[in-house]
Structures are given as C-alpha cells and as structure tokens.
C-alpha cells in the first residue's frame, strides 16, 4: 500500500512544500553570494516507461536535460546509484519532482517511485519538493519545445515517436517551471 502523502514515506529524503523548499533551499542556499560552489537542483519526472532527469545550470536560471532512465532496464538500486553519482558531479542540493497533480502532492506513480527511491537509503539529508508540470511558465514551455524539436529533427525521428521522446524530456519542463517561479519570487523578495 502506498503512503497517503510524502510525509508518511519512511525515508532519508525530506519532503518540503514548494514555498518552504524555496525558503530553505533556493533562497538561502542556492542564491548566497558567498557560496563558493553554487548548489544546483535535479529535476525529474516519472513517466510510464522512463524517469527523465534535468539539472539546473550553475546560476539556477535554466534547466538542462541530462538523461532518461528506462524503468524496465534499470532496477531501483541502480537508478539510485545513478542519481547519487549526479549529486557530487553536479553539486546537487535538492530535487524538484514533477507530478501531474498538486492535491494530493503527488500522483500515485510518482509517490511510489519516491518511496522506492527513499527505501534505498542513499539520499540522507537531501530535500525535495514537487512541482505540477501543468504549471509551466512561457520560458519552460519554450525550453521544452526547443529540446523536443531538436531531438526529433537531429535524430530524424518520426512524429509517432514524439510521445516517448516527450516522456524523456518532461523533467526539463518541470525544473524550468520551478526555476522561473522561484527566481521571480527571489526578484520580488518574497518571504
């Protein structure tokens, strides 16, 4: 049986509502001017077949696609190892998880994935939030569409594969939407 909310998950990861994630992670850690090596965020989206990953740039303004993990080919422990290796490689300080609904905080597939990821015990001290990928900024839509167009054209993929490719790219839209919103909050000095 799935936990009813991220708060019920027995985990090493700590869930924060988006506004608290902004205050704890984005505002106070990522945007400190005295921070020698800026922290970055990992965005991910759990699709039917793939878990797509994106990382913020070092200024935390733009989401950059990383890769898609095939859920049929990689077990959860290997997936956790891959994500864990990205933490040190990209100086990650938190996760932004895409979901299709914000009430409850996550859809069932994403909640199960987070629960399984937490059970690996490999993410002690990290915090995460959820972001409804239906709440996208114009910039997030543009980044997603440009990436999708580039992939389809450069690989010469037929349009009938676009759903699979879109699933592999959703993390970019999720993370970009969150970055746009939080950078606006930072600019307007939300507290």
C-alpha atoms as a PDB file:
ATOM      1  CA  UNK A   1       0.000   0.000   0.000  1.00  0.00           C
ATOM      2  CA  UNK A   2       1.279   3.463  -0.908  1.00  0.00           C
ATOM      3  CA  UNK A   3       1.751   6.141   1.710  1.00  0.00           C
ATOM      4  CA  UNK A   4      -1.011   8.741   1.568  1.00  0.00           C
ATOM      5  CA  UNK A   5       1.471  11.606   1.312  1.00  0.00           C
ATOM      6  CA  UNK A   6       5.216  12.211   1.075  1.00  0.00           C
ATOM      7  CA  UNK A   7       5.224  12.907   4.821  1.00  0.00           C
ATOM      8  CA  UNK A   8       4.323   9.253   5.520  1.00  0.00           C
ATOM      9  CA  UNK A   9       7.235   7.920   3.488  1.00  0.00           C
ATOM     10  CA  UNK A  10       9.904   6.206   5.562  1.00  0.00           C
ATOM     11  CA  UNK A  11      12.907   7.837   4.012  1.00  0.00           C
ATOM     12  CA  UNK A  12      16.193   9.617   4.111  1.00  0.00           C
ATOM     13  CA  UNK A  13      14.768  12.286   1.798  1.00  0.00           C
ATOM     14  CA  UNK A  14      12.736  15.071   3.345  1.00  0.00           C
ATOM     15  CA  UNK A  15       9.695  16.474   1.562  1.00  0.00           C
ATOM     16  CA  UNK A  16       9.113  20.233   1.682  1.00  0.00           C
ATOM     17  CA  UNK A  17       6.165  22.087   0.205  1.00  0.00           C
ATOM     18  CA  UNK A  18       7.340  24.241  -2.736  1.00  0.00           C
ATOM     19  CA  UNK A  19       7.269  27.510  -0.776  1.00  0.00           C
ATOM     20  CA  UNK A  20       9.333  26.004   2.083  1.00  0.00           C
ATOM     21  CA  UNK A  21      11.726  24.416  -0.398  1.00  0.00           C
ATOM     22  CA  UNK A  22      12.139  27.905  -1.872  1.00  0.00           C
ATOM     23  CA  UNK A  23      12.906  29.375   1.560  1.00  0.00           C
ATOM     24  CA  UNK A  24      15.175  26.554   2.795  1.00  0.00           C
ATOM     25  CA  UNK A  25      16.974  25.579  -0.373  1.00  0.00           C
ATOM     26  CA  UNK A  26      16.598  28.076  -3.158  1.00  0.00           C
ATOM     27  CA  UNK A  27      16.702  31.380  -1.311  1.00  0.00           C
ATOM     28  CA  UNK A  28      19.172  30.600   1.456  1.00  0.00           C
ATOM     29  CA  UNK A  29      21.493  28.044  -0.093  1.00  0.00           C
ATOM     30  CA  UNK A  30      21.427  28.388  -3.857  1.00  0.00           C
ATOM     31  CA  UNK A  31      21.468  32.181  -4.032  1.00  0.00           C
ATOM     32  CA  UNK A  32      24.005  33.013  -1.311  1.00  0.00           C
ATOM     33  CA  UNK A  33      26.598  35.350  -2.775  1.00  0.00           C
ATOM     34  CA  UNK A  34      29.327  33.963  -0.512  1.00  0.00           C
ATOM     35  CA  UNK A  35      28.692  30.379  -1.587  1.00  0.00           C
ATOM     36  CA  UNK A  36      31.904  29.201  -3.281  1.00  0.00           C
ATOM     37  CA  UNK A  37      30.437  26.422  -5.400  1.00  0.00           C
ATOM     38  CA  UNK A  38      26.778  27.120  -6.174  1.00  0.00           C
ATOM     39  CA  UNK A  39      24.352  24.326  -5.452  1.00  0.00           C
ATOM     40  CA  UNK A  40      22.174  23.047  -8.251  1.00  0.00           C
ATOM     41  CA  UNK A  41      18.854  21.261  -8.464  1.00  0.00           C
ATOM     42  CA  UNK A  42      17.951  17.965 -10.086  1.00  0.00           C
ATOM     43  CA  UNK A  43      14.558  17.843 -11.719  1.00  0.00           C
ATOM     44  CA  UNK A  44      12.943  14.563 -12.506  1.00  0.00           C
ATOM     45  CA  UNK A  45       9.708  13.293 -13.863  1.00  0.00           C
ATOM     46  CA  UNK A  46       8.414   9.753 -13.518  1.00  0.00           C
ATOM     47  CA  UNK A  47       6.690   8.589 -16.687  1.00  0.00           C
ATOM     48  CA  UNK A  48       5.216   5.216 -17.615  1.00  0.00           C
ATOM     49  CA  UNK A  49       8.453   3.927 -19.124  1.00  0.00           C
ATOM     50  CA  UNK A  50      11.144   6.468 -18.246  1.00  0.00           C
ATOM     51  CA  UNK A  51      12.398   8.663 -15.448  1.00  0.00           C
ATOM     52  CA  UNK A  52      13.656  11.817 -17.121  1.00  0.00           C
ATOM     53  CA  UNK A  53      16.358  13.889 -15.437  1.00  0.00           C
ATOM     54  CA  UNK A  54      17.357  17.528 -15.830  1.00  0.00           C
ATOM     55  CA  UNK A  55      19.786  19.718 -13.907  1.00  0.00           C
ATOM     56  CA  UNK A  56      19.823  23.452 -13.326  1.00  0.00           C
ATOM     57  CA  UNK A  57      22.710  25.479 -14.690  1.00  0.00           C
ATOM     58  CA  UNK A  58      25.183  26.911 -12.152  1.00  0.00           C
ATOM     59  CA  UNK A  59      23.165  30.153 -11.894  1.00  0.00           C
ATOM     60  CA  UNK A  60      19.920  28.206 -11.349  1.00  0.00           C
ATOM     61  CA  UNK A  61      18.219  30.028 -14.194  1.00  0.00           C
ATOM     62  CA  UNK A  62      17.916  27.345 -16.867  1.00  0.00           C
ATOM     63  CA  UNK A  63      17.103  23.639 -16.846  1.00  0.00           C
ATOM     64  CA  UNK A  64      19.375  21.430 -18.913  1.00  0.00           C
ATOM     65  CA  UNK A  65      18.355  17.892 -19.904  1.00  0.00           C
ATOM     66  CA  UNK A  66      20.595  15.126 -18.568  1.00  0.00           C
ATOM     67  CA  UNK A  67      19.205  11.740 -19.496  1.00  0.00           C
ATOM     68  CA  UNK A  68      16.275   9.388 -19.280  1.00  0.00           C
ATOM     69  CA  UNK A  69      16.420   6.176 -17.286  1.00  0.00           C
ATOM     70  CA  UNK A  70      14.433   3.249 -18.665  1.00  0.00           C
ATOM     71  CA  UNK A  71      12.400   1.807 -15.792  1.00  0.00           C
ATOM     72  CA  UNK A  72      12.235  -1.614 -17.475  1.00  0.00           C
ATOM     73  CA  UNK A  73      16.011  -1.918 -17.918  1.00  0.00           C
ATOM     74  CA  UNK A  74      17.314  -0.473 -14.640  1.00  0.00           C
ATOM     75  CA  UNK A  75      16.364  -1.652 -11.160  1.00  0.00           C
ATOM     76  CA  UNK A  76      15.743   0.851  -8.359  1.00  0.00           C
ATOM     77  CA  UNK A  77      19.120   0.295  -6.714  1.00  0.00           C
ATOM     78  CA  UNK A  78      20.956   1.039  -9.984  1.00  0.00           C
ATOM     79  CA  UNK A  79      18.722   4.044 -10.591  1.00  0.00           C
ATOM     80  CA  UNK A  80      19.528   5.331  -7.092  1.00  0.00           C
ATOM     81  CA  UNK A  81      23.258   4.808  -7.761  1.00  0.00           C
ATOM     82  CA  UNK A  82      22.974   6.815 -10.985  1.00  0.00           C
ATOM     83  CA  UNK A  83      21.143   9.648  -9.238  1.00  0.00           C
ATOM     84  CA  UNK A  84      23.584   9.517  -6.315  1.00  0.00           C
ATOM     85  CA  UNK A  85      26.556   9.886  -8.690  1.00  0.00           C
ATOM     86  CA  UNK A  86      24.929  13.018 -10.115  1.00  0.00           C
ATOM     87  CA  UNK A  87      24.816  14.609  -6.645  1.00  0.00           C
ATOM     88  CA  UNK A  88      28.583  15.060  -6.397  1.00  0.00           C
ATOM     89  CA  UNK A  89      29.129  15.519 -10.134  1.00  0.00           C
ATOM     90  CA  UNK A  90      26.719  18.485 -10.311  1.00  0.00           C
ATOM     91  CA  UNK A  91      26.818  19.671  -6.666  1.00  0.00           C
ATOM     92  CA  UNK A  92      23.117  18.915  -6.241  1.00  0.00           C
ATOM     93  CA  UNK A  93      21.415  20.214  -3.095  1.00  0.00           C
ATOM     94  CA  UNK A  94      17.823  19.149  -3.738  1.00  0.00           C
ATOM     95  CA  UNK A  95      15.302  17.548  -6.077  1.00  0.00           C
ATOM     96  CA  UNK A  96      12.296  19.015  -7.867  1.00  0.00           C
ATOM     97  CA  UNK A  97       9.917  16.192  -8.711  1.00  0.00           C
ATOM     98  CA  UNK A  98       7.362  16.584 -11.475  1.00  0.00           C
ATOM     99  CA  UNK A  99       3.810  15.478 -10.914  1.00  0.00           C
ATOM    100  CA  UNK A 100       0.504  15.693 -12.727  1.00  0.00           C
ATOM    101  CA  UNK A 101      -1.454  16.987  -9.775  1.00  0.00           C
ATOM    102  CA  UNK A 102      -0.751  19.074  -6.734  1.00  0.00           C
ATOM    103  CA  UNK A 103      -3.505  17.673  -4.477  1.00  0.00           C
ATOM    104  CA  UNK A 104      -2.512  15.256  -3.044  1.00  0.00           C
ATOM    105  CA  UNK A 105       1.079  16.378  -3.516  1.00  0.00           C
ATOM    106  CA  UNK A 106       1.908  13.596  -5.995  1.00  0.00           C
ATOM    107  CA  UNK A 107       0.263  11.183  -8.368  1.00  0.00           C
ATOM    108  CA  UNK A 108       0.454   7.502  -7.344  1.00  0.00           C
ATOM    109  CA  UNK A 109       3.212   6.520  -9.819  1.00  0.00           C
ATOM    110  CA  UNK A 110       5.492   9.339  -8.662  1.00  0.00           C
ATOM    111  CA  UNK A 111       4.731   8.679  -4.999  1.00  0.00           C
ATOM    112  CA  UNK A 112       5.652   5.000  -5.405  1.00  0.00           C
ATOM    113  CA  UNK A 113       8.888   5.940  -7.166  1.00  0.00           C
ATOM    114  CA  UNK A 114       9.864   8.378  -4.391  1.00  0.00           C
ATOM    115  CA  UNK A 115       9.002   5.781  -1.760  1.00  0.00           C
ATOM    116  CA  UNK A 116      11.122   3.133  -3.520  1.00  0.00           C
ATOM    117  CA  UNK A 117      13.971   5.617  -4.001  1.00  0.00           C
ATOM    118  CA  UNK A 118      13.861   6.519  -0.308  1.00  0.00           C
ATOM    119  CA  UNK A 119      13.965   2.866   0.716  1.00  0.00           C
ATOM    120  CA  UNK A 120      17.402   2.564  -0.896  1.00  0.00           C
ATOM    121  CA  UNK A 121      18.714   4.784   1.931  1.00  0.00           C
ATOM    122  CA  UNK A 122      21.142   6.579  -0.391  1.00  0.00           C
ATOM    123  CA  UNK A 123      19.898  10.158  -0.052  1.00  0.00           C
ATOM    124  CA  UNK A 124      20.347  11.089   3.586  1.00  0.00           C
ATOM    125  CA  UNK A 125      19.860  14.775   4.261  1.00  0.00           C
ATOM    126  CA  UNK A 126      18.543  15.745   0.827  1.00  0.00           C
ATOM    127  CA  UNK A 127      15.285  17.623   0.485  1.00  0.00           C
ATOM    128  CA  UNK A 128      12.797  17.571  -2.326  1.00  0.00           C
ATOM    129  CA  UNK A 129       9.641  19.277  -3.447  1.00  0.00           C
ATOM    130  CA  UNK A 130       7.033  18.593  -6.078  1.00  0.00           C
ATOM    131  CA  UNK A 131       6.073  20.778  -8.999  1.00  0.00           C
ATOM    132  CA  UNK A 132       2.953  20.341 -11.090  1.00  0.00           C
ATOM    133  CA  UNK A 133       4.199  20.314 -14.666  1.00  0.00           C
ATOM    134  CA  UNK A 134       0.844  21.743 -15.685  1.00  0.00           C
ATOM    135  CA  UNK A 135       2.022  24.985 -14.043  1.00  0.00           C
ATOM    136  CA  UNK A 136       4.606  25.971 -16.606  1.00  0.00           C
ATOM    137  CA  UNK A 137       5.974  29.362 -17.489  1.00  0.00           C
ATOM    138  CA  UNK A 138       6.298  30.536 -21.083  1.00  0.00           C
ATOM    139  CA  UNK A 139      10.038  30.006 -20.713  1.00  0.00           C
ATOM    140  CA  UNK A 140       9.524  26.405 -19.514  1.00  0.00           C
ATOM    141  CA  UNK A 141       7.268  25.667 -22.485  1.00  0.00           C
ATOM    142  CA  UNK A 142       9.812  27.225 -24.842  1.00  0.00           C
ATOM    143  CA  UNK A 143      12.736  25.232 -23.381  1.00  0.00           C
ATOM    144  CA  UNK A 144      10.714  22.011 -23.569  1.00  0.00           C
ATOM    145  CA  UNK A 145       9.525  22.637 -27.148  1.00  0.00           C
ATOM    146  CA  UNK A 146      13.008  23.605 -28.360  1.00  0.00           C
ATOM    147  CA  UNK A 147      14.521  20.496 -26.818  1.00  0.00           C
ATOM    148  CA  UNK A 148      11.804  18.260 -28.262  1.00  0.00           C
ATOM    149  CA  UNK A 149      12.158  19.821 -31.723  1.00  0.00           C
ATOM    150  CA  UNK A 150      15.946  19.473 -31.609  1.00  0.00           C
ATOM    151  CA  UNK A 151      15.753  15.807 -30.626  1.00  0.00           C
ATOM    152  CA  UNK A 152      13.154  14.959 -33.273  1.00  0.00           C
ATOM    153  CA  UNK A 153      14.967  16.822 -36.059  1.00  0.00           C
ATOM    154  CA  UNK A 154      18.566  15.966 -35.212  1.00  0.00           C
ATOM    155  CA  UNK A 155      17.834  12.280 -34.752  1.00  0.00           C
ATOM    156  CA  UNK A 156      15.466  12.161 -37.711  1.00  0.00           C
ATOM    157  CA  UNK A 157      12.772  10.594 -35.557  1.00  0.00           C
ATOM    158  CA  UNK A 158       9.245  10.228 -36.932  1.00  0.00           C
ATOM    159  CA  UNK A 159       6.482  12.139 -35.179  1.00  0.00           C
ATOM    160  CA  UNK A 160       4.904   8.904 -33.923  1.00  0.00           C
ATOM    161  CA  UNK A 161       7.836   8.551 -31.509  1.00  0.00           C
ATOM    162  CA  UNK A 162       7.196  12.016 -30.096  1.00  0.00           C
ATOM    163  CA  UNK A 163       5.243  10.694 -27.070  1.00  0.00           C
ATOM    164  CA  UNK A 164       8.220   8.580 -25.985  1.00  0.00           C
ATOM    165  CA  UNK A 165      10.610  11.460 -26.582  1.00  0.00           C
ATOM    166  CA  UNK A 166       8.289  13.851 -24.735  1.00  0.00           C
ATOM    167  CA  UNK A 167       8.250  11.497 -21.748  1.00  0.00           C
ATOM    168  CA  UNK A 168      12.051  11.568 -21.775  1.00  0.00           C
ATOM    169  CA  UNK A 169      12.046  15.390 -21.768  1.00  0.00           C
ATOM    170  CA  UNK A 170       9.411  16.305 -19.163  1.00  0.00           C
ATOM    171  CA  UNK A 171      11.995  16.875 -16.406  1.00  0.00           C
ATOM    172  CA  UNK A 172      13.266  19.917 -18.325  1.00  0.00           C
ATOM    173  CA  UNK A 173       9.815  21.494 -18.281  1.00  0.00           C
ATOM    174  CA  UNK A 174       9.274  20.639 -14.606  1.00  0.00           C
ATOM    175  CA  UNK A 175      12.571  22.083 -13.429  1.00  0.00           C
ATOM    176  CA  UNK A 176      12.370  25.147 -15.693  1.00  0.00           C
ATOM    177  CA  UNK A 177       8.875  25.931 -14.402  1.00  0.00           C
ATOM    178  CA  UNK A 178      10.122  25.747 -10.820  1.00  0.00           C
ATOM    179  CA  UNK A 179      13.236  27.834 -11.562  1.00  0.00           C
ATOM    180  CA  UNK A 180      11.197  30.538 -13.297  1.00  0.00           C
ATOM    181  CA  UNK A 181       8.732  30.757 -10.431  1.00  0.00           C
ATOM    182  CA  UNK A 182      11.353  30.817  -7.683  1.00  0.00           C
ATOM    183  CA  UNK A 183      13.599  33.296  -9.486  1.00  0.00           C
ATOM    184  CA  UNK A 184      10.582  35.585  -9.803  1.00  0.00           C
ATOM    185  CA  UNK A 185       9.901  35.141  -6.076  1.00  0.00           C
ATOM    186  CA  UNK A 186      13.542  35.933  -5.312  1.00  0.00           C
ATOM    187  CA  UNK A 187      13.468  39.040  -7.510  1.00  0.00           C
ATOM    188  CA  UNK A 188      10.296  40.243  -5.779  1.00  0.00           C
ATOM    189  CA  UNK A 189      11.840  39.351  -2.381  1.00  0.00           C
ATOM    190  CA  UNK A 190       9.075  37.033  -1.216  1.00  0.00           C
ATOM    191  CA  UNK A 191       9.267  35.929   2.352  1.00  0.00           C
END
